[in-house]
């Protein structure tokens, strides 16, 4: 079964789902599910969602910081809209159990790291010392 997992994950997942449904309904299956890879995939679902929330929050902070650092540029309305969009995307997949695994200071450091050094030839205004956000600021609903 590992060969199918390595060669065609879609076909593997459909086959495993069929086996699990069959076993869940009480019917015997001709083969055992690929438990090792099923367990790995279930764990990866949570890790992937957490990574998606982190990524969206970094991007939201990045756009907020652009607004802060270049408040006079014509891009501000677009950055504000992008920050809202990334917050909404994060909120769509966020779950309460992620709270303890989201380090807002680290998210802020990542956002600062990817900021440009200038926009339209202008350097940024000074950044806030330390992270000015809480998780509740970033995920208000």
Protein backbone atom coordinates (compact mmCIF):
# COMPACT_ATOMS: atom_id res chain seq x y z
CA UNK A 1 0.00 0.00 0.00
CA UNK A 2 2.92 2.37 0.60
CA UNK A 3 3.76 2.28 -3.09
CA UNK A 4 0.33 3.69 -3.94
CA UNK A 5 0.75 6.30 -1.20
CA UNK A 6 4.06 7.37 -2.75
CA UNK A 7 2.86 7.18 -6.37
CA UNK A 8 -0.70 8.57 -6.27
CA UNK A 9 -1.84 10.15 -3.02
CA UNK A 10 -5.28 10.95 -4.41
CA UNK A 11 -5.98 7.35 -5.37
CA UNK A 12 -4.47 6.17 -2.06
CA UNK A 13 -6.68 8.53 -0.04
CA UNK A 14 -9.83 7.51 -1.89
CA UNK A 15 -9.00 3.83 -1.39
CA UNK A 16 -8.25 4.32 2.31
CA UNK A 17 -11.47 6.31 2.81
CA UNK A 18 -13.40 3.44 1.22
CA UNK A 19 -11.73 0.91 3.51
CA UNK A 20 -12.43 3.02 6.59
CA UNK A 21 -16.09 3.52 5.61
CA UNK A 22 -16.44 -0.19 5.05
CA UNK A 23 -14.94 -1.01 8.45
CA UNK A 24 -16.96 1.74 10.17
CA UNK A 25 -20.17 0.24 8.83
CA UNK A 26 -19.23 -3.12 10.35
CA UNK A 27 -18.48 -4.84 7.06
CA UNK A 28 -15.21 -6.78 6.79
CA UNK A 29 -12.50 -5.55 4.46
CA UNK A 30 -10.19 -7.71 2.36
CA UNK A 31 -7.18 -5.68 3.49
CA UNK A 32 -6.12 -3.64 6.48
CA UNK A 33 -6.03 0.12 6.18
CA UNK A 34 -2.61 1.74 5.78
CA UNK A 35 -2.66 2.89 9.40
CA UNK A 36 0.83 4.37 9.52
CA UNK A 37 0.22 6.72 6.60
CA UNK A 38 -3.37 7.44 7.68
CA UNK A 39 -2.09 8.57 11.08
CA UNK A 40 0.57 10.75 9.42
CA UNK A 41 -2.03 12.33 7.15
CA UNK A 42 -4.45 13.04 10.00
CA UNK A 43 -1.66 14.77 11.94
CA UNK A 44 -0.63 16.74 8.87
CA UNK A 45 -4.15 18.16 8.53
CA UNK A 46 -3.82 19.99 11.82
CA UNK A 47 -0.26 21.11 11.12
CA UNK A 48 -1.32 22.41 7.72
CA UNK A 49 -4.20 24.42 9.13
CA UNK A 50 -1.97 25.90 11.82
CA UNK A 51 0.61 26.84 9.19
CA UNK A 52 -2.13 28.46 7.09
CA UNK A 53 -3.29 30.56 10.04
CA UNK A 54 0.29 31.62 10.81
CA UNK A 55 0.93 32.54 7.20
CA UNK A 56 -2.26 34.59 6.92
CA UNK A 57 -1.52 36.44 10.15
CA UNK A 58 2.03 37.24 9.06
CA UNK A 59 0.65 38.65 5.83
CA UNK A 60 -2.00 40.67 7.71
CA UNK A 61 0.66 42.14 10.00
CA UNK A 62 2.90 42.85 6.99
CA UNK A 63 0.16 44.86 5.31
CA UNK A 64 -0.69 46.69 8.56
CA UNK A 65 2.98 47.59 8.94
CA UNK A 66 3.13 48.87 5.37
CA UNK A 67 0.23 51.19 6.20
CA UNK A 68 2.10 52.32 9.32
CA UNK A 69 5.45 52.78 7.56
CA UNK A 70 4.21 54.42 4.36
CA UNK A 71 0.95 56.16 5.37
CA UNK A 72 1.04 58.71 2.54
CA UNK A 73 1.32 56.28 -0.37
CA UNK A 74 -1.55 55.56 -2.73
CA UNK A 75 -1.31 51.87 -1.83
CA UNK A 76 -2.76 52.30 1.68
CA UNK A 77 -6.38 51.40 0.80
CA UNK A 78 -5.23 48.23 -0.94
CA UNK A 79 -3.00 47.26 1.97
CA UNK A 80 -5.84 47.81 4.43
CA UNK A 81 -8.10 45.61 2.32
CA UNK A 82 -5.42 42.92 2.08
CA UNK A 83 -4.88 42.96 5.85
CA UNK A 84 -8.63 42.43 6.37
CA UNK A 85 -8.69 39.65 3.78
CA UNK A 86 -5.78 37.82 5.42
CA UNK A 87 -7.41 38.16 8.86
CA UNK A 88 -10.65 36.76 7.45
CA UNK A 89 -8.80 33.84 5.85
CA UNK A 90 -7.03 33.11 9.13
CA UNK A 91 -10.32 33.26 11.03
CA UNK A 92 -11.89 30.79 8.58
CA UNK A 93 -9.51 28.00 9.64
CA UNK A 94 -8.60 29.12 13.17
CA UNK A 95 -9.64 26.94 16.10
CA UNK A 96 -9.29 27.65 19.82
CA UNK A 97 -6.66 24.95 20.29
CA UNK A 98 -4.32 26.93 18.01
CA UNK A 99 -4.18 29.87 20.43
CA UNK A 100 -1.40 28.37 22.53
CA UNK A 101 0.66 27.62 19.42
CA UNK A 102 0.45 31.09 17.88
CA UNK A 103 3.32 33.27 19.07
CA UNK A 104 2.30 36.80 18.04
CA UNK A 105 5.82 38.12 18.69
CA UNK A 106 7.22 35.55 16.24
CA UNK A 107 4.56 36.40 13.66
CA UNK A 108 5.49 40.07 14.04
CA UNK A 109 9.23 39.31 13.59
CA UNK A 110 8.44 37.40 10.41
CA UNK A 111 6.33 40.26 9.06
CA UNK A 112 9.05 42.80 9.84
CA UNK A 113 11.59 40.56 8.11
CA UNK A 114 9.66 40.58 4.82
CA UNK A 115 8.93 44.31 4.73
CA UNK A 116 10.53 46.14 1.82
CA UNK A 117 13.31 48.60 2.56
CA UNK A 118 11.59 51.28 0.50
CA UNK A 119 8.45 51.94 -1.48
CA UNK A 120 8.39 54.47 -4.30
CA UNK A 121 11.88 55.52 -3.22
CA UNK A 122 10.79 56.34 0.34
CA UNK A 123 12.21 54.53 3.37
CA UNK A 124 9.76 53.31 6.00
CA UNK A 125 8.77 55.33 9.03
CA UNK A 126 10.12 53.77 12.26
CA UNK A 127 8.48 50.52 13.28
CA UNK A 128 6.86 50.11 16.67
CA UNK A 129 9.26 48.74 19.27
CA UNK A 130 7.97 45.27 19.95
CA UNK A 131 4.82 43.72 18.65
CA UNK A 132 1.83 46.08 18.94
CA UNK A 133 -0.71 43.28 18.38
CA UNK A 134 -2.44 40.68 20.48
CA UNK A 135 -3.99 37.57 19.01
CA UNK A 136 -7.40 39.10 19.75
CA UNK A 137 -6.42 42.13 17.63
CA UNK A 138 -5.54 39.84 14.75
CA UNK A 139 -8.52 37.49 15.11
CA UNK A 140 -11.29 39.75 16.38
CA UNK A 141 -14.09 37.23 15.79
